[in-house]
């Protein structure tokens, strides 16, 4: 009888076994002769002249828990490349010739073998040992120095303990070795040259998120806001008054404002700098001059909800904006820029 006679055998090792003394293999052997070891000694791995290793040429069986099949792989060059599958297969020979003369290979996953395989160096040390958990087949992709004689050893594997896995008692079945053995190995593909780091990168928040000005969570980041018209915006809004909730200013976080992180060692310190004091307020205009209108709470007028777009910061620096945005109102008060900003034709005169 062969490994495909039954799908699974045990001797009562597993948890909650109904008969702890039942040895299935011994019972079967009383009536049916057991198939002998088809690979009792080291055997050269059959490979084609081009290095191909075919399933039909290297198809064997693990017939006992102490059965270990050994394949000899000779490498004559300075280096060899082994790319080999060791997969369990469905039938003893694994191939079938149809009436039309076509050769077909049976499927790989129809027996109880858990492949345990290792590659040994010429001095007997283990190069690679594979028996992955929850996987029944293995794949080698390894470069080995030559010249020398390597050995591929295939056994029945186990997983954890019989109580929460299985032993190699019933890890029996047919398998095949196939793939390629290239001798000499092709030159290894060199690793791509990494791209140079950018000259400066904007800093992030302590949690790795995007830095935004003040309490905003969109639009007013270094890239979206300060890189456009940086000279004016960095000077006006790079101060401590507009720092984010962690106290980090645009002047510290944004490359456009002279901050950010540089690859040449000129990165800013790990904690935020001492807050910059707000700029000295402008002196009031002389008596009789136009003054920009303020909001009812005495703060500077701004259009819509854009608190940075005040008369001074937005319209004074570009009077053409009066024609485009002069009818924009404040978010809380029915006042437009044309009514509030002197440069747009508005603004009250101070009392005389």
C-alpha atoms as a PDB file:
ATOM      1  CA  UNK A   1       0.000   0.000   0.000  1.00  0.00           C
ATOM      2  CA  UNK A   2       1.112   3.551  -0.625  1.00  0.00           C
ATOM      3  CA  UNK A   3       0.556   6.948   0.985  1.00  0.00           C
ATOM      4  CA  UNK A   4      -2.627   7.600  -1.005  1.00  0.00           C
ATOM      5  CA  UNK A   5      -4.393   4.512   0.414  1.00  0.00           C
ATOM      6  CA  UNK A   6      -5.865   6.765   3.131  1.00  0.00           C
ATOM      7  CA  UNK A   7      -5.722  10.515   3.582  1.00  0.00           C
ATOM      8  CA  UNK A   8      -4.661  10.624   7.237  1.00  0.00           C
ATOM      9  CA  UNK A   9      -3.258   8.224   9.823  1.00  0.00           C
ATOM     10  CA  UNK A  10      -2.685   8.590  13.538  1.00  0.00           C
ATOM     11  CA  UNK A  11      -1.811   6.645  16.640  1.00  0.00           C
ATOM     12  CA  UNK A  12      -4.058   8.507  19.050  1.00  0.00           C
ATOM     13  CA  UNK A  13      -1.664  11.382  19.772  1.00  0.00           C
ATOM     14  CA  UNK A  14      -4.009  14.251  19.017  1.00  0.00           C
ATOM     15  CA  UNK A  15      -6.277  15.950  21.525  1.00  0.00           C
ATOM     16  CA  UNK A  16      -9.555  14.151  22.319  1.00  0.00           C
ATOM     17  CA  UNK A  17      -8.490  11.030  20.391  1.00  0.00           C
ATOM     18  CA  UNK A  18     -11.087   8.292  20.774  1.00  0.00           C
ATOM     19  CA  UNK A  19      -8.563   5.431  20.945  1.00  0.00           C
ATOM     20  CA  UNK A  20      -5.169   6.340  22.365  1.00  0.00           C
ATOM     21  CA  UNK A  21      -3.738   2.871  21.633  1.00  0.00           C
ATOM     22  CA  UNK A  22      -4.726   2.590  17.974  1.00  0.00           C
ATOM     23  CA  UNK A  23      -1.697   2.634  15.622  1.00  0.00           C
ATOM     24  CA  UNK A  24      -3.201   2.964  12.144  1.00  0.00           C
ATOM     25  CA  UNK A  25       0.006   2.259  10.222  1.00  0.00           C
ATOM     26  CA  UNK A  26       0.756  -0.887  12.178  1.00  0.00           C
ATOM     27  CA  UNK A  27      -2.808  -2.145  11.697  1.00  0.00           C
ATOM     28  CA  UNK A  28      -2.749  -1.595   7.926  1.00  0.00           C
ATOM     29  CA  UNK A  29       0.645  -3.290   7.602  1.00  0.00           C
ATOM     30  CA  UNK A  30      -0.787  -6.515   9.038  1.00  0.00           C
ATOM     31  CA  UNK A  31      -2.812  -7.021   5.865  1.00  0.00           C
ATOM     32  CA  UNK A  32      -1.180  -4.979   3.087  1.00  0.00           C
ATOM     33  CA  UNK A  33       2.579  -4.846   2.414  1.00  0.00           C
ATOM     34  CA  UNK A  34       3.938  -1.369   2.906  1.00  0.00           C
ATOM     35  CA  UNK A  35       5.710   0.394   0.035  1.00  0.00           C
ATOM     36  CA  UNK A  36       9.448   0.493   0.612  1.00  0.00           C
ATOM     37  CA  UNK A  37      11.775   3.484   0.573  1.00  0.00           C
ATOM     38  CA  UNK A  38      12.093   4.540  -3.084  1.00  0.00           C
ATOM     39  CA  UNK A  39      15.171   6.693  -2.406  1.00  0.00           C
ATOM     40  CA  UNK A  40      17.272   4.847   0.201  1.00  0.00           C
ATOM     41  CA  UNK A  41      20.505   6.755  -0.428  1.00  0.00           C
ATOM     42  CA  UNK A  42      21.769  10.112  -1.757  1.00  0.00           C
ATOM     43  CA  UNK A  43      20.713  10.576  -5.386  1.00  0.00           C
ATOM     44  CA  UNK A  44      21.767  13.274  -7.882  1.00  0.00           C
ATOM     45  CA  UNK A  45      18.993  15.754  -8.565  1.00  0.00           C
ATOM     46  CA  UNK A  46      17.993  15.256 -12.218  1.00  0.00           C
ATOM     47  CA  UNK A  47      18.297  18.487 -14.173  1.00  0.00           C
ATOM     48  CA  UNK A  48      18.325  19.418 -17.833  1.00  0.00           C
ATOM     49  CA  UNK A  49      21.276  20.957 -19.677  1.00  0.00           C
ATOM     50  CA  UNK A  50      19.667  24.413 -19.384  1.00  0.00           C
ATOM     51  CA  UNK A  51      19.269  24.037 -15.611  1.00  0.00           C
ATOM     52  CA  UNK A  52      15.559  23.109 -15.583  1.00  0.00           C
ATOM     53  CA  UNK A  53      14.503  20.632 -12.913  1.00  0.00           C
ATOM     54  CA  UNK A  54      11.339  18.809 -14.052  1.00  0.00           C
ATOM     55  CA  UNK A  55       8.607  17.388 -11.838  1.00  0.00           C
ATOM     56  CA  UNK A  56       8.480  14.081 -13.753  1.00  0.00           C
ATOM     57  CA  UNK A  57      12.214  13.462 -13.196  1.00  0.00           C
ATOM     58  CA  UNK A  58      12.273  14.054  -9.437  1.00  0.00           C
ATOM     59  CA  UNK A  59       9.084  12.522  -8.063  1.00  0.00           C
ATOM     60  CA  UNK A  60       9.360  10.432  -4.878  1.00  0.00           C
ATOM     61  CA  UNK A  61       7.653   9.475  -1.611  1.00  0.00           C
ATOM     62  CA  UNK A  62       8.062   9.842   2.120  1.00  0.00           C
ATOM     63  CA  UNK A  63       6.845   6.471   3.423  1.00  0.00           C
ATOM     64  CA  UNK A  64       7.772   6.590   7.126  1.00  0.00           C
ATOM     65  CA  UNK A  65       8.283   9.164   9.838  1.00  0.00           C
ATOM     66  CA  UNK A  66      12.047   8.485   9.791  1.00  0.00           C
ATOM     67  CA  UNK A  67      12.307   8.554   5.983  1.00  0.00           C
ATOM     68  CA  UNK A  68      14.621  11.285   4.650  1.00  0.00           C
ATOM     69  CA  UNK A  69      15.299  11.605   0.909  1.00  0.00           C
ATOM     70  CA  UNK A  70      18.578  13.238  -0.076  1.00  0.00           C
ATOM     71  CA  UNK A  71      19.304  14.875  -3.445  1.00  0.00           C
ATOM     72  CA  UNK A  72      22.864  15.787  -4.453  1.00  0.00           C
ATOM     73  CA  UNK A  73      23.296  19.125  -6.277  1.00  0.00           C
ATOM     74  CA  UNK A  74      26.728  19.781  -7.758  1.00  0.00           C
ATOM     75  CA  UNK A  75      27.773  23.406  -8.344  1.00  0.00           C
ATOM     76  CA  UNK A  76      30.880  23.782 -10.536  1.00  0.00           C
ATOM     77  CA  UNK A  77      30.920  27.559 -11.030  1.00  0.00           C
ATOM     78  CA  UNK A  78      31.883  30.276  -8.590  1.00  0.00           C
ATOM     79  CA  UNK A  79      28.234  30.668  -7.593  1.00  0.00           C
ATOM     80  CA  UNK A  80      24.988  28.791  -8.186  1.00  0.00           C
ATOM     81  CA  UNK A  81      21.366  29.897  -8.038  1.00  0.00           C
ATOM     82  CA  UNK A  82      18.810  27.395  -6.708  1.00  0.00           C
ATOM     83  CA  UNK A  83      15.148  28.165  -7.311  1.00  0.00           C
ATOM     84  CA  UNK A  84      13.381  24.956  -6.356  1.00  0.00           C
ATOM     85  CA  UNK A  85       9.889  23.944  -5.301  1.00  0.00           C
ATOM     86  CA  UNK A  86       9.305  20.891  -3.116  1.00  0.00           C
ATOM     87  CA  UNK A  87       5.570  20.253  -3.426  1.00  0.00           C
ATOM     88  CA  UNK A  88       3.462  17.319  -2.348  1.00  0.00           C
ATOM     89  CA  UNK A  89       1.715  15.579  -5.263  1.00  0.00           C
ATOM     90  CA  UNK A  90      -1.393  13.481  -5.765  1.00  0.00           C
ATOM     91  CA  UNK A  91      -0.302  10.116  -7.145  1.00  0.00           C
ATOM     92  CA  UNK A  92       2.771   7.928  -6.814  1.00  0.00           C
ATOM     93  CA  UNK A  93       4.266   8.894 -10.178  1.00  0.00           C
ATOM     94  CA  UNK A  94       2.405  12.169 -10.518  1.00  0.00           C
ATOM     95  CA  UNK A  95       1.999  11.863 -14.314  1.00  0.00           C
ATOM     96  CA  UNK A  96      -0.527  10.389 -16.700  1.00  0.00           C
ATOM     97  CA  UNK A  97      -0.303   9.797 -20.461  1.00  0.00           C
ATOM     98  CA  UNK A  98      -3.678  10.195 -22.184  1.00  0.00           C
ATOM     99  CA  UNK A  99      -4.910   8.134 -25.127  1.00  0.00           C
ATOM    100  CA  UNK A 100      -3.794  10.969 -27.375  1.00  0.00           C
ATOM    101  CA  UNK A 101      -0.265  10.685 -26.030  1.00  0.00           C
ATOM    102  CA  UNK A 102      -0.462  13.872 -23.979  1.00  0.00           C
ATOM    103  CA  UNK A 103       1.441  13.947 -20.685  1.00  0.00           C
ATOM    104  CA  UNK A 104      -0.496  15.462 -17.793  1.00  0.00           C
ATOM    105  CA  UNK A 105       0.661  16.093 -14.240  1.00  0.00           C
ATOM    106  CA  UNK A 106      -1.608  15.430 -11.283  1.00  0.00           C
ATOM    107  CA  UNK A 107      -2.377  18.101  -8.674  1.00  0.00           C
ATOM    108  CA  UNK A 108      -0.013  18.917  -5.826  1.00  0.00           C
ATOM    109  CA  UNK A 109      -2.203  18.942  -2.739  1.00  0.00           C
ATOM    110  CA  UNK A 110      -3.889  15.557  -2.293  1.00  0.00           C
ATOM    111  CA  UNK A 111      -1.997  13.748   0.452  1.00  0.00           C
ATOM    112  CA  UNK A 112      -1.041  14.197   4.105  1.00  0.00           C
ATOM    113  CA  UNK A 113       2.608  15.149   3.597  1.00  0.00           C
ATOM    114  CA  UNK A 114       3.836  18.310   5.325  1.00  0.00           C
ATOM    115  CA  UNK A 115       7.088  19.046   3.494  1.00  0.00           C
ATOM    116  CA  UNK A 116      10.119  19.695   5.716  1.00  0.00           C
ATOM    117  CA  UNK A 117      13.220  20.406   3.612  1.00  0.00           C
ATOM    118  CA  UNK A 118      16.703  21.768   4.193  1.00  0.00           C
ATOM    119  CA  UNK A 119      19.712  22.594   2.048  1.00  0.00           C
ATOM    120  CA  UNK A 120      23.096  21.487   3.392  1.00  0.00           C
ATOM    121  CA  UNK A 121      26.433  23.046   2.433  1.00  0.00           C
ATOM    122  CA  UNK A 122      29.421  20.905   1.348  1.00  0.00           C
ATOM    123  CA  UNK A 123      30.699  20.955   4.946  1.00  0.00           C
ATOM    124  CA  UNK A 124      27.344  19.707   6.277  1.00  0.00           C
ATOM    125  CA  UNK A 125      26.096  22.955   7.799  1.00  0.00           C
ATOM    126  CA  UNK A 126      22.526  24.041   7.105  1.00  0.00           C
ATOM    127  CA  UNK A 127      22.157  26.799   4.518  1.00  0.00           C
ATOM    128  CA  UNK A 128      18.349  27.008   4.632  1.00  0.00           C
ATOM    129  CA  UNK A 129      15.744  24.979   6.559  1.00  0.00           C
ATOM    130  CA  UNK A 130      12.095  25.380   5.515  1.00  0.00           C
ATOM    131  CA  UNK A 131       8.944  24.059   7.219  1.00  0.00           C
ATOM    132  CA  UNK A 132       6.604  27.062   7.388  1.00  0.00           C
ATOM    133  CA  UNK A 133       3.583  26.948   9.691  1.00  0.00           C
ATOM    134  CA  UNK A 134       0.272  26.275   7.912  1.00  0.00           C
ATOM    135  CA  UNK A 135       2.090  25.681   4.609  1.00  0.00           C
ATOM    136  CA  UNK A 136       2.581  22.178   3.220  1.00  0.00           C
ATOM    137  CA  UNK A 137       4.984  23.014   0.364  1.00  0.00           C
ATOM    138  CA  UNK A 138       8.278  24.923   0.331  1.00  0.00           C
ATOM    139  CA  UNK A 139      10.247  27.047  -2.112  1.00  0.00           C
ATOM    140  CA  UNK A 140      14.005  27.689  -2.143  1.00  0.00           C
ATOM    141  CA  UNK A 141      15.443  30.826  -3.736  1.00  0.00           C
ATOM    142  CA  UNK A 142      19.069  30.956  -2.662  1.00  0.00           C
ATOM    143  CA  UNK A 143      22.508  31.743  -4.074  1.00  0.00           C
ATOM    144  CA  UNK A 144      25.307  29.434  -2.956  1.00  0.00           C
ATOM    145  CA  UNK A 145      29.078  29.704  -3.414  1.00  0.00           C
ATOM    146  CA  UNK A 146      30.857  27.103  -5.537  1.00  0.00           C
ATOM    147  CA  UNK A 147      32.402  24.875  -6.475  1.00  0.00           C
ATOM    148  CA  UNK A 148      30.941  22.291  -4.159  1.00  0.00           C
ATOM    149  CA  UNK A 149      28.379  19.550  -3.591  1.00  0.00           C
ATOM    150  CA  UNK A 150      25.158  20.584  -1.847  1.00  0.00           C
ATOM    151  CA  UNK A 151      22.476  18.256  -0.498  1.00  0.00           C
ATOM    152  CA  UNK A 152      18.725  18.820  -0.460  1.00  0.00           C
ATOM    153  CA  UNK A 153      17.088  16.726   2.279  1.00  0.00           C
ATOM    154  CA  UNK A 154      13.302  16.158   2.201  1.00  0.00           C
ATOM    155  CA  UNK A 155      11.382  14.752   5.206  1.00  0.00           C
ATOM    156  CA  UNK A 156       7.882  14.632   6.641  1.00  0.00           C
ATOM    157  CA  UNK A 157       7.294  17.636   8.858  1.00  0.00           C
ATOM    158  CA  UNK A 158       5.278  18.408  11.947  1.00  0.00           C
ATOM    159  CA  UNK A 159       3.531  21.442  13.377  1.00  0.00           C
ATOM    160  CA  UNK A 160       3.512  22.525  17.024  1.00  0.00           C
ATOM    161  CA  UNK A 161       2.584  19.549  19.264  1.00  0.00           C
ATOM    162  CA  UNK A 162       0.139  16.669  18.664  1.00  0.00           C
ATOM    163  CA  UNK A 163      -2.294  18.349  21.078  1.00  0.00           C
ATOM    164  CA  UNK A 164      -2.530  21.600  19.065  1.00  0.00           C
ATOM    165  CA  UNK A 165      -1.077  20.514  15.723  1.00  0.00           C
ATOM    166  CA  UNK A 166       0.355  17.196  14.552  1.00  0.00           C
ATOM    167  CA  UNK A 167       3.520  15.093  14.732  1.00  0.00           C
ATOM    168  CA  UNK A 168       5.288  13.687  11.694  1.00  0.00           C
ATOM    169  CA  UNK A 169       3.769  10.242  12.321  1.00  0.00           C
ATOM    170  CA  UNK A 170       1.180  10.656   9.554  1.00  0.00           C
ATOM    171  CA  UNK A 171       3.149  13.238   7.536  1.00  0.00           C
ATOM    172  CA  UNK A 172       3.589  10.846   4.620  1.00  0.00           C
ATOM    173  CA  UNK A 173       2.986  11.060   0.899  1.00  0.00           C
ATOM    174  CA  UNK A 174       4.306  11.791  -2.556  1.00  0.00           C
ATOM    175  CA  UNK A 175       6.195  14.909  -3.544  1.00  0.00           C
ATOM    176  CA  UNK A 176       8.186  16.360  -6.437  1.00  0.00           C
ATOM    177  CA  UNK A 177      11.173  18.666  -6.745  1.00  0.00           C
ATOM    178  CA  UNK A 178      11.104  21.074  -9.690  1.00  0.00           C
ATOM    179  CA  UNK A 179      12.349  24.521 -10.701  1.00  0.00           C
ATOM    180  CA  UNK A 180      15.822  25.565 -11.861  1.00  0.00           C
ATOM    181  CA  UNK A 181      19.456  25.200 -10.803  1.00  0.00           C
ATOM    182  CA  UNK A 182      21.619  27.730 -12.624  1.00  0.00           C
ATOM    183  CA  UNK A 183      25.359  27.036 -12.624  1.00  0.00           C
ATOM    184  CA  UNK A 184      26.964  29.489 -12.875  1.00  0.00           C
ATOM    185  CA  UNK A 185      24.372  31.832 -11.417  1.00  0.00           C
ATOM    186  CA  UNK A 186      23.406  34.913 -13.438  1.00  0.00           C
ATOM    187  CA  UNK A 187      24.716  38.199 -12.185  1.00  0.00           C
ATOM    188  CA  UNK A 188      22.621  39.597  -9.380  1.00  0.00           C
ATOM    189  CA  UNK A 189      20.536  42.614 -10.311  1.00  0.00           C
ATOM    190  CA  UNK A 190      22.098  45.628  -8.613  1.00  0.00           C
ATOM    191  CA  UNK A 191      19.908  47.509  -6.221  1.00  0.00           C
ATOM    192  CA  UNK A 192      18.578  50.740  -7.734  1.00  0.00           C
ATOM    193  CA  UNK A 193      20.360  53.904  -6.720  1.00  0.00           C
ATOM    194  CA  UNK A 194      18.153  55.664  -4.183  1.00  0.00           C
ATOM    195  CA  UNK A 195      16.884  59.063  -5.210  1.00  0.00           C
ATOM    196  CA  UNK A 196      18.651  61.933  -3.476  1.00  0.00           C
ATOM    197  CA  UNK A 197      16.669  63.442  -0.612  1.00  0.00           C
ATOM    198  CA  UNK A 198      14.825  66.672  -1.357  1.00  0.00           C
ATOM    199  CA  UNK A 199      16.809  69.787  -0.464  1.00  0.00           C
ATOM    200  CA  UNK A 200      14.297  70.570   2.272  1.00  0.00           C
ATOM    201  CA  UNK A 201      11.169  68.936   3.650  1.00  0.00           C
ATOM    202  CA  UNK A 202       8.449  70.679   5.626  1.00  0.00           C
ATOM    203  CA  UNK A 203       8.147  69.562   9.232  1.00  0.00           C
ATOM    204  CA  UNK A 204       5.173  67.544  10.463  1.00  0.00           C
ATOM    205  CA  UNK A 205       3.346  67.625  13.761  1.00  0.00           C
ATOM    206  CA  UNK A 206       4.471  65.468  16.683  1.00  0.00           C
ATOM    207  CA  UNK A 207       2.010  62.771  15.559  1.00  0.00           C
ATOM    208  CA  UNK A 208       3.326  62.815  11.987  1.00  0.00           C
ATOM    209  CA  UNK A 209       0.436  64.802  10.527  1.00  0.00           C
ATOM    210  CA  UNK A 210       0.539  67.828   8.247  1.00  0.00           C
ATOM    211  CA  UNK A 211       1.439  71.165   9.876  1.00  0.00           C
ATOM    212  CA  UNK A 212      -1.280  73.811   9.505  1.00  0.00           C
ATOM    213  CA  UNK A 213      -1.263  77.449  10.550  1.00  0.00           C
ATOM    214  CA  UNK A 214      -3.160  78.269  13.717  1.00  0.00           C
ATOM    215  CA  UNK A 215      -6.141  76.038  14.435  1.00  0.00           C
ATOM    216  CA  UNK A 216      -6.866  75.249  10.794  1.00  0.00           C
ATOM    217  CA  UNK A 217      -6.928  71.641   9.557  1.00  0.00           C
ATOM    218  CA  UNK A 218      -6.904  72.315   5.832  1.00  0.00           C
ATOM    219  CA  UNK A 219      -5.776  74.826   3.197  1.00  0.00           C
ATOM    220  CA  UNK A 220      -3.229  76.650   5.381  1.00  0.00           C
ATOM    221  CA  UNK A 221      -0.349  74.156   5.216  1.00  0.00           C
ATOM    222  CA  UNK A 222       3.210  74.963   4.151  1.00  0.00           C
ATOM    223  CA  UNK A 223       2.708  73.591   0.635  1.00  0.00           C
ATOM    224  CA  UNK A 224      -0.826  74.869   0.035  1.00  0.00           C
ATOM    225  CA  UNK A 225      -0.486  78.355   1.461  1.00  0.00           C
ATOM    226  CA  UNK A 226       3.008  79.575   2.212  1.00  0.00           C
ATOM    227  CA  UNK A 227       4.734  78.462  -1.001  1.00  0.00           C
ATOM    228  CA  UNK A 228       2.579  80.967  -2.885  1.00  0.00           C
ATOM    229  CA  UNK A 229       3.567  84.588  -2.270  1.00  0.00           C
ATOM    230  CA  UNK A 230       5.968  83.348   0.413  1.00  0.00           C
ATOM    231  CA  UNK A 231       7.723  86.690   1.051  1.00  0.00           C
ATOM    232  CA  UNK A 232       4.567  88.419   2.219  1.00  0.00           C
ATOM    233  CA  UNK A 233       2.842  85.458   3.903  1.00  0.00           C
ATOM    234  CA  UNK A 234       5.901  84.262   5.827  1.00  0.00           C
ATOM    235  CA  UNK A 235       6.560  87.745   7.139  1.00  0.00           C
ATOM    236  CA  UNK A 236       2.942  88.346   8.080  1.00  0.00           C
ATOM    237  CA  UNK A 237       1.889  84.892   9.323  1.00  0.00           C
ATOM    238  CA  UNK A 238       5.159  83.209  10.283  1.00  0.00           C
ATOM    239  CA  UNK A 239       5.042  84.623  13.800  1.00  0.00           C
ATOM    240  CA  UNK A 240       4.003  83.053  17.109  1.00  0.00           C
ATOM    241  CA  UNK A 241       0.532  84.600  16.801  1.00  0.00           C
ATOM    242  CA  UNK A 242      -0.194  82.133  13.984  1.00  0.00           C
ATOM    243  CA  UNK A 243       1.575  79.074  15.414  1.00  0.00           C
ATOM    244  CA  UNK A 244      -0.239  75.750  15.366  1.00  0.00           C
ATOM    245  CA  UNK A 245      -1.648  74.250  18.622  1.00  0.00           C
ATOM    246  CA  UNK A 246       1.785  72.748  19.377  1.00  0.00           C
ATOM    247  CA  UNK A 247       3.361  76.214  19.269  1.00  0.00           C
ATOM    248  CA  UNK A 248       5.219  75.652  15.981  1.00  0.00           C
ATOM    249  CA  UNK A 249       5.310  78.584  13.589  1.00  0.00           C
ATOM    250  CA  UNK A 250       5.506  78.671   9.792  1.00  0.00           C
ATOM    251  CA  UNK A 251       8.965  80.207  10.086  1.00  0.00           C
ATOM    252  CA  UNK A 252      10.019  77.041  11.897  1.00  0.00           C
ATOM    253  CA  UNK A 253       8.013  74.399   9.985  1.00  0.00           C
ATOM    254  CA  UNK A 254       7.926  75.558   6.363  1.00  0.00           C
ATOM    255  CA  UNK A 255      10.806  75.432   3.893  1.00  0.00           C
ATOM    256  CA  UNK A 256       9.269  78.395   2.056  1.00  0.00           C
ATOM    257  CA  UNK A 257       9.720  80.457   5.217  1.00  0.00           C
ATOM    258  CA  UNK A 258      13.289  79.322   5.938  1.00  0.00           C
ATOM    259  CA  UNK A 259      12.346  76.458   8.269  1.00  0.00           C
ATOM    260  CA  UNK A 260      11.802  72.771   7.533  1.00  0.00           C
ATOM    261  CA  UNK A 261      14.318  69.945   7.659  1.00  0.00           C
ATOM    262  CA  UNK A 262      17.471  70.015   5.505  1.00  0.00           C
ATOM    263  CA  UNK A 263      19.631  66.967   4.622  1.00  0.00           C
ATOM    264  CA  UNK A 264      22.875  68.874   5.189  1.00  0.00           C
ATOM    265  CA  UNK A 265      22.556  68.964   8.959  1.00  0.00           C
ATOM    266  CA  UNK A 266      20.907  72.365   9.256  1.00  0.00           C
ATOM    267  CA  UNK A 267      17.608  70.956  10.494  1.00  0.00           C
ATOM    268  CA  UNK A 268      15.850  72.973  13.178  1.00  0.00           C
ATOM    269  CA  UNK A 269      16.018  71.730  16.775  1.00  0.00           C
ATOM    270  CA  UNK A 270      13.664  68.966  17.907  1.00  0.00           C
ATOM    271  CA  UNK A 271      11.458  71.306  19.900  1.00  0.00           C
ATOM    272  CA  UNK A 272       9.823  74.505  18.823  1.00  0.00           C
ATOM    273  CA  UNK A 273      11.873  77.709  19.154  1.00  0.00           C
ATOM    274  CA  UNK A 274      11.014  80.449  21.605  1.00  0.00           C
ATOM    275  CA  UNK A 275       7.829  82.115  20.365  1.00  0.00           C
ATOM    276  CA  UNK A 276       8.482  85.284  18.425  1.00  0.00           C
ATOM    277  CA  UNK A 277       6.814  88.323  20.015  1.00  0.00           C
ATOM    278  CA  UNK A 278       4.115  89.920  17.884  1.00  0.00           C
ATOM    279  CA  UNK A 279       5.249  92.868  15.766  1.00  0.00           C
ATOM    280  CA  UNK A 280       4.935  96.409  17.112  1.00  0.00           C
ATOM    281  CA  UNK A 281       1.559  97.844  16.050  1.00  0.00           C
ATOM    282  CA  UNK A 282       1.599 100.543  13.401  1.00  0.00           C
ATOM    283  CA  UNK A 283       1.159 104.053  14.747  1.00  0.00           C
ATOM    284  CA  UNK A 284      -2.297 105.471  14.100  1.00  0.00           C
ATOM    285  CA  UNK A 285      -2.648 107.587  10.992  1.00  0.00           C
ATOM    286  CA  UNK A 286      -2.540 111.330  11.447  1.00  0.00           C
ATOM    287  CA  UNK A 287      -5.709 113.163  12.432  1.00  0.00           C
ATOM    288  CA  UNK A 288      -7.987 113.522   9.482  1.00  0.00           C
ATOM    289  CA  UNK A 289      -6.587 110.541   7.570  1.00  0.00           C
ATOM    290  CA  UNK A 290      -8.795 107.589   6.623  1.00  0.00           C
ATOM    291  CA  UNK A 291      -8.855 104.735   9.078  1.00  0.00           C
ATOM    292  CA  UNK A 292      -9.911 101.211   8.152  1.00  0.00           C
ATOM    293  CA  UNK A 293     -13.170 100.268   9.794  1.00  0.00           C
ATOM    294  CA  UNK A 294     -13.033  97.752  12.628  1.00  0.00           C
ATOM    295  CA  UNK A 295     -15.575  95.157  13.676  1.00  0.00           C
ATOM    296  CA  UNK A 296     -17.979  95.773  16.512  1.00  0.00           C
ATOM    297  CA  UNK A 297     -15.620  94.122  19.005  1.00  0.00           C
ATOM    298  CA  UNK A 298     -12.773  96.434  17.945  1.00  0.00           C
ATOM    299  CA  UNK A 299     -10.811  93.798  16.018  1.00  0.00           C
ATOM    300  CA  UNK A 300      -9.621  94.239  12.434  1.00  0.00           C
ATOM    301  CA  UNK A 301     -12.157  93.747   9.662  1.00  0.00           C
ATOM    302  CA  UNK A 302     -11.648  90.676   7.451  1.00  0.00           C
ATOM    303  CA  UNK A 303     -13.605  89.217   4.562  1.00  0.00           C
ATOM    304  CA  UNK A 304     -15.762  86.117   4.990  1.00  0.00           C
ATOM    305  CA  UNK A 305     -14.138  83.732   7.506  1.00  0.00           C
ATOM    306  CA  UNK A 306     -10.589  84.404   6.319  1.00  0.00           C
ATOM    307  CA  UNK A 307      -9.161  86.174   9.334  1.00  0.00           C
ATOM    308  CA  UNK A 308      -5.825  86.781   7.643  1.00  0.00           C
ATOM    309  CA  UNK A 309      -7.471  88.701   4.771  1.00  0.00           C
ATOM    310  CA  UNK A 310      -7.731  92.067   6.512  1.00  0.00           C
ATOM    311  CA  UNK A 311      -7.660  95.458   4.876  1.00  0.00           C
ATOM    312  CA  UNK A 312      -3.985  95.930   5.689  1.00  0.00           C
ATOM    313  CA  UNK A 313      -2.734  92.404   4.997  1.00  0.00           C
ATOM    314  CA  UNK A 314      -4.770  91.668   1.887  1.00  0.00           C
ATOM    315  CA  UNK A 315      -6.071  94.762   0.138  1.00  0.00           C
ATOM    316  CA  UNK A 316      -3.337  97.282   0.950  1.00  0.00           C
ATOM    317  CA  UNK A 317      -0.676  95.057  -0.675  1.00  0.00           C
ATOM    318  CA  UNK A 318      -2.704  94.615  -3.887  1.00  0.00           C
ATOM    319  CA  UNK A 319      -5.365  97.243  -4.530  1.00  0.00           C
ATOM    320  CA  UNK A 320      -6.630  95.353  -7.607  1.00  0.00           C
ATOM    321  CA  UNK A 321      -8.301  92.962  -5.175  1.00  0.00           C
ATOM    322  CA  UNK A 322     -10.824  95.676  -4.300  1.00  0.00           C
ATOM    323  CA  UNK A 323     -12.511  95.256  -7.675  1.00  0.00           C
ATOM    324  CA  UNK A 324     -12.625  91.478  -7.355  1.00  0.00           C
ATOM    325  CA  UNK A 325     -13.387  91.026  -3.664  1.00  0.00           C
ATOM    326  CA  UNK A 326     -14.705  94.406  -2.582  1.00  0.00           C
ATOM    327  CA  UNK A 327     -18.258  93.123  -2.162  1.00  0.00           C
ATOM    328  CA  UNK A 328     -17.189  90.242   0.129  1.00  0.00           C
ATOM    329  CA  UNK A 329     -18.712  90.619   3.597  1.00  0.00           C
ATOM    330  CA  UNK A 330     -17.399  89.684   6.988  1.00  0.00           C
ATOM    331  CA  UNK A 331     -18.707  86.331   8.292  1.00  0.00           C
ATOM    332  CA  UNK A 332     -20.406  87.939  11.313  1.00  0.00           C
ATOM    333  CA  UNK A 333     -21.266  91.498  10.264  1.00  0.00           C
ATOM    334  CA  UNK A 334     -22.972  93.016   7.250  1.00  0.00           C
ATOM    335  CA  UNK A 335     -19.913  94.983   6.179  1.00  0.00           C
ATOM    336  CA  UNK A 336     -18.030  94.621   2.856  1.00  0.00           C
ATOM    337  CA  UNK A 337     -14.416  95.366   2.067  1.00  0.00           C
ATOM    338  CA  UNK A 338     -15.544  98.332  -0.060  1.00  0.00           C
ATOM    339  CA  UNK A 339     -17.194  99.768   3.045  1.00  0.00           C
ATOM    340  CA  UNK A 340     -14.468  98.889   5.563  1.00  0.00           C
ATOM    341  CA  UNK A 341     -11.133  99.380   3.782  1.00  0.00           C
ATOM    342  CA  UNK A 342      -9.806 102.836   2.969  1.00  0.00           C
ATOM    343  CA  UNK A 343      -7.883 101.574  -0.021  1.00  0.00           C
ATOM    344  CA  UNK A 344     -11.165 100.239  -1.479  1.00  0.00           C
ATOM    345  CA  UNK A 345     -12.969 103.551  -0.951  1.00  0.00           C
ATOM    346  CA  UNK A 346     -14.441 102.764   2.451  1.00  0.00           C
ATOM    347  CA  UNK A 347     -13.392 103.263   6.038  1.00  0.00           C
ATOM    348  CA  UNK A 348     -14.668 105.952   8.468  1.00  0.00           C
ATOM    349  CA  UNK A 349     -12.813 109.143   9.127  1.00  0.00           C
ATOM    350  CA  UNK A 350     -11.880 109.749  12.734  1.00  0.00           C
ATOM    351  CA  UNK A 351     -13.972 112.249  14.666  1.00  0.00           C
ATOM    352  CA  UNK A 352     -12.622 115.792  14.596  1.00  0.00           C
END
